PDB file of N, CA and C in Angstrom:
ATOM      1  N   MET A   1      40.009 291.044-174.982  1.00  0.00           N
ATOM      2  CA  MET A   1      40.330 290.322-173.493  1.00  0.00           C
ATOM      3  C   MET A   1      39.066 288.885-173.604  1.00  0.00           C
ATOM      4  N   THR A   2      39.449 287.735-173.757  1.00  0.00           N
ATOM      5  CA  THR A   2      37.605 286.565-173.595  1.00  0.00           C
ATOM      6  C   THR A   2      37.996 286.475-172.148  1.00  0.00           C
ATOM      7  N   VAL A   3      36.657 286.170-171.366  1.00  0.00           N
ATOM      8  CA  VAL A   3      36.535 285.556-170.283  1.00  0.00           C
ATOM      9  C   VAL A   3      37.430 284.850-169.490  1.00  0.00           C
ATOM     10  N   SER A   4      37.734 283.832-170.309  1.00  0.00           N
ATOM     11  CA  SER A   4      38.958 283.130-170.076  1.00  0.00           C
ATOM     12  C   SER A   4      40.256 283.249-169.533  1.00  0.00           C
ATOM     13  N   ASP A   5      40.705 284.430-170.094  1.00  0.00           N
ATOM     14  CA  ASP A   5      41.575 285.493-170.040  1.00  0.00           C
ATOM     15  C   ASP A   5      41.547 286.169-169.171  1.00  0.00           C
ATOM     16  N   ALA A   6      40.350 286.416-168.644  1.00  0.00           N
ATOM     17  CA  ALA A   6      40.550 287.875-167.158  1.00  0.00           C
ATOM     18  C   ALA A   6      40.322 286.616-166.413  1.00  0.00           C
ATOM     19  N   LYS A   7      39.654 285.721-166.294  1.00  0.00           N
ATOM     20  CA  LYS A   7      39.856 285.126-165.467  1.00  0.00           C
ATOM     21  C   LYS A   7      41.447 284.392-165.221  1.00  0.00           C
ATOM     22  N   ARG A   8      42.262 283.800-166.141  1.00  0.00           N
ATOM     23  CA  ARG A   8      43.777 283.789-165.155  1.00  0.00           C
ATOM     24  C   ARG A   8      44.376 284.763-165.363  1.00  0.00           C
ATOM     25  N   LEU A   9      44.100 286.238-165.834  1.00  0.00           N
ATOM     26  CA  LEU A   9      44.709 287.367-165.479  1.00  0.00           C
ATOM     27  C   LEU A   9      44.502 287.156-163.648  1.00  0.00           C
ATOM     28  N   LYS A  10      43.140 287.127-163.343  1.00  0.00           N
ATOM     29  CA  LYS A  10      42.853 287.343-161.939  1.00  0.00           C
ATOM     30  C   LYS A  10      43.537 286.598-161.168  1.00  0.00           C
ATOM     31  N   ALA A  11      43.544 284.706-161.194  1.00  0.00           N
ATOM     32  CA  ALA A  11      44.404 284.146-160.871  1.00  0.00           C
ATOM     33  C   ALA A  11      45.405 284.314-160.511  1.00  0.00           C
ATOM     34  N   LEU A  12      46.421 284.727-161.463  1.00  0.00           N
ATOM     35  CA  LEU A  12      47.948 285.392-161.561  1.00  0.00           C
ATOM     36  C   LEU A  12      48.019 286.191-160.883  1.00  0.00           C
ATOM     37  N   GLU A  13      47.119 287.513-160.477  1.00  0.00           N
ATOM     38  CA  GLU A  13      47.127 288.639-159.943  1.00  0.00           C
ATOM     39  C   GLU A  13      47.151 288.335-158.300  1.00  0.00           C
ATOM     40  N   ASP A  14      45.998 286.849-158.110  1.00  0.00           N
ATOM     41  CA  ASP A  14      45.684 286.796-156.539  1.00  0.00           C
ATOM     42  C   ASP A  14      47.318 285.887-156.388  1.00  0.00           C
ATOM     43  N   GLU A  15      47.710 284.859-156.838  1.00  0.00           N
ATOM     44  CA  GLU A  15      49.164 284.415-156.341  1.00  0.00           C
ATOM     45  C   GLU A  15      49.990 285.441-156.052  1.00  0.00           C
ATOM     46  N   ASN A  16      50.117 285.979-157.798  1.00  0.00           N
ATOM     47  CA  ASN A  16      51.546 287.437-156.914  1.00  0.00           C
ATOM     48  C   ASN A  16      50.962 288.134-155.521  1.00  0.00           C
ATOM     49  N   ALA A  17      49.996 288.468-155.099  1.00  0.00           N
ATOM     50  CA  ALA A  17      50.158 289.738-153.926  1.00  0.00           C
ATOM     51  C   ALA A  17      50.014 288.120-152.801  1.00  0.00           C
ATOM     52  N   ARG A  18      49.448 286.527-153.306  1.00  0.00           N
ATOM     53  CA  ARG A  18      50.561 286.146-151.793  1.00  0.00           C
ATOM     54  C   ARG A  18      51.623 285.917-152.043  1.00  0.00           C
ATOM     55  N   LEU A  19      52.291 285.553-153.179  1.00  0.00           N
ATOM     56  CA  LEU A  19      53.663 285.339-153.112  1.00  0.00           C
ATOM     57  C   LEU A  19      54.137 286.749-152.676  1.00  0.00           C
ATOM     58  N   LYS A  20      54.168 287.857-152.549  1.00  0.00           N
ATOM     59  CA  LYS A  20      54.484 289.317-152.466  1.00  0.00           C
ATOM     60  C   LYS A  20      54.502 289.157-151.434  1.00  0.00           C
ATOM     61  N   LYS A  21      53.234 288.972-149.958  1.00  0.00           N
ATOM     62  CA  LYS A  21      53.062 289.364-148.780  1.00  0.00           C
ATOM     63  C   LYS A  21      53.841 287.727-148.460  1.00  0.00           C
ATOM     64  N   LEU A  22      54.375 286.478-149.172  1.00  0.00           N
ATOM     65  CA  LEU A  22      55.226 285.771-148.103  1.00  0.00           C
ATOM     66  C   LEU A  22      56.592 286.133-148.154  1.00  0.00           C
ATOM     67  N   LEU A  23      56.645 286.403-149.347  1.00  0.00           N
ATOM     68  CA  LEU A  23      58.154 287.278-149.560  1.00  0.00           C
ATOM     69  C   LEU A  23      58.524 288.199-148.518  1.00  0.00           C
ATOM     70  N   ALA A  24      57.287 289.412-148.232  1.00  0.00           N
ATOM     71  CA  ALA A  24      57.544 290.500-146.874  1.00  0.00           C
ATOM     72  C   ALA A  24      57.890 289.704-145.737  1.00  0.00           C
ATOM     73  N   GLU A  25      56.908 288.766-145.567  1.00  0.00           N
ATOM     74  CA  GLU A  25      57.313 287.824-144.057  1.00  0.00           C
ATOM     75  C   GLU A  25      58.386 287.764-143.961  1.00  0.00           C
ATOM     76  N   GLN A  26      58.937 286.715-145.271  1.00  0.00           N
ATOM     77  CA  GLN A  26      60.770 286.112-144.797  1.00  0.00           C
ATOM     78  C   GLN A  26      61.713 287.062-144.886  1.00  0.00           C
ATOM     79  N   MET A  27      61.559 288.385-145.281  1.00  0.00           N
ATOM     80  CA  MET A  27      62.388 289.559-145.142  1.00  0.00           C
ATOM     81  C   MET A  27      62.615 289.953-143.718  1.00  0.00           C
ATOM     82  N   LEU A  28      61.218 290.341-143.400  1.00  0.00           N
ATOM     83  CA  LEU A  28      60.762 290.741-141.909  1.00  0.00           C
ATOM     84  C   LEU A  28      61.481 289.661-140.894  1.00  0.00           C
ATOM     85  N   GLU A  29      61.439 288.668-141.561  1.00  0.00           N
ATOM     86  CA  GLU A  29      61.783 287.608-140.667  1.00  0.00           C
ATOM     87  C   GLU A  29      63.135 287.358-140.324  1.00  0.00           C
ATOM     88  N   ALA A  30      64.114 287.373-141.265  1.00  0.00           N
ATOM     89  CA  ALA A  30      65.387 287.136-141.750  1.00  0.00           C
ATOM     90  C   ALA A  30      65.959 288.424-141.108  1.00  0.00           C
ATOM     91  N   ALA A  31      65.362 289.562-141.273  1.00  0.00           N
ATOM     92  CA  ALA A  31      65.581 291.413-141.157  1.00  0.00           C
ATOM     93  C   ALA A  31      65.828 291.427-139.105  1.00  0.00           C
ATOM     94  N   THR A  32      64.790 290.588-138.521  1.00  0.00           N
ATOM     95  CA  THR A  32      64.777 290.244-137.735  1.00  0.00           C
ATOM     96  C   THR A  32      65.292 289.333-136.788  1.00  0.00           C
ATOM     97  N   MET A  33      66.009 288.064-137.063  1.00  0.00           N
ATOM     98  CA  MET A  33      66.900 287.476-136.921  1.00  0.00           C
ATOM     99  C   MET A  33      68.040 287.751-136.906  1.00  0.00           C
ATOM    100  N   LYS A  34      68.609 289.014-137.735  1.00  0.00           N
ATOM    101  CA  LYS A  34      69.549 289.714-138.161  1.00  0.00           C
ATOM    102  C   LYS A  34      69.660 290.491-136.945  1.00  0.00           C
ATOM    103  N   GLU A  35      69.104 291.071-136.248  1.00  0.00           N
ATOM    104  CA  GLU A  35      69.139 292.103-135.649  1.00  0.00           C
ATOM    105  C   GLU A  35      69.290 291.316-134.286  1.00  0.00           C
ATOM    106  N   LEU A  36      68.717 290.415-134.294  1.00  0.00           N
ATOM    107  CA  LEU A  36      68.976 289.629-132.878  1.00  0.00           C
ATOM    108  C   LEU A  36      70.115 289.121-132.573  1.00  0.00           C
ATOM    109  N   LEU A  37      70.050 288.317-133.671  1.00  0.00           N
ATOM    110  CA  LEU A  37      71.917 288.130-133.840  1.00  0.00           C
ATOM    111  C   LEU A  37      73.402 288.742-133.282  1.00  0.00           C
ATOM    112  N   SER A  38      72.944 290.772-133.732  1.00  0.00           N
ATOM    113  CA  SER A  38      73.593 291.225-133.667  1.00  0.00           C
ATOM    114  C   SER A  38      73.714 292.112-132.234  1.00  0.00           C
ATOM    115  N   ILE A  39      73.138 291.576-131.721  1.00  0.00           N
ATOM    116  CA  ILE A  39      73.037 291.944-129.841  1.00  0.00           C
ATOM    117  C   ILE A  39      74.042 291.419-129.253  1.00  0.00           C
ATOM    118  N   LYS A  40      74.782 292.185-128.779  1.00  0.00           N
ATOM    119  CA  LYS A  40      76.173 291.555-127.629  1.00  0.00           C
ATOM    120  C   LYS A  40      75.388 291.522-126.518  1.00  0.00           C
ATOM    121  N   TRP A  41      75.129 290.042-125.953  1.00  0.00           N
ATOM    122  CA  TRP A  41      74.579 289.282-125.268  1.00  0.00           C
ATOM    123  C   TRP A  41      75.395 289.345-123.821  1.00  0.00           C
TER     124      TRP A  41
END
């Protein structure tokens, strides 16, 4: 593995972690909204 390969891998891993965090936040928000909408007022 070359230095440029290692840098590219690190960049992809960082982006993957950022996207996973974003997805988790969106899923949590969706679940919260679903829960709120299911409450009978």
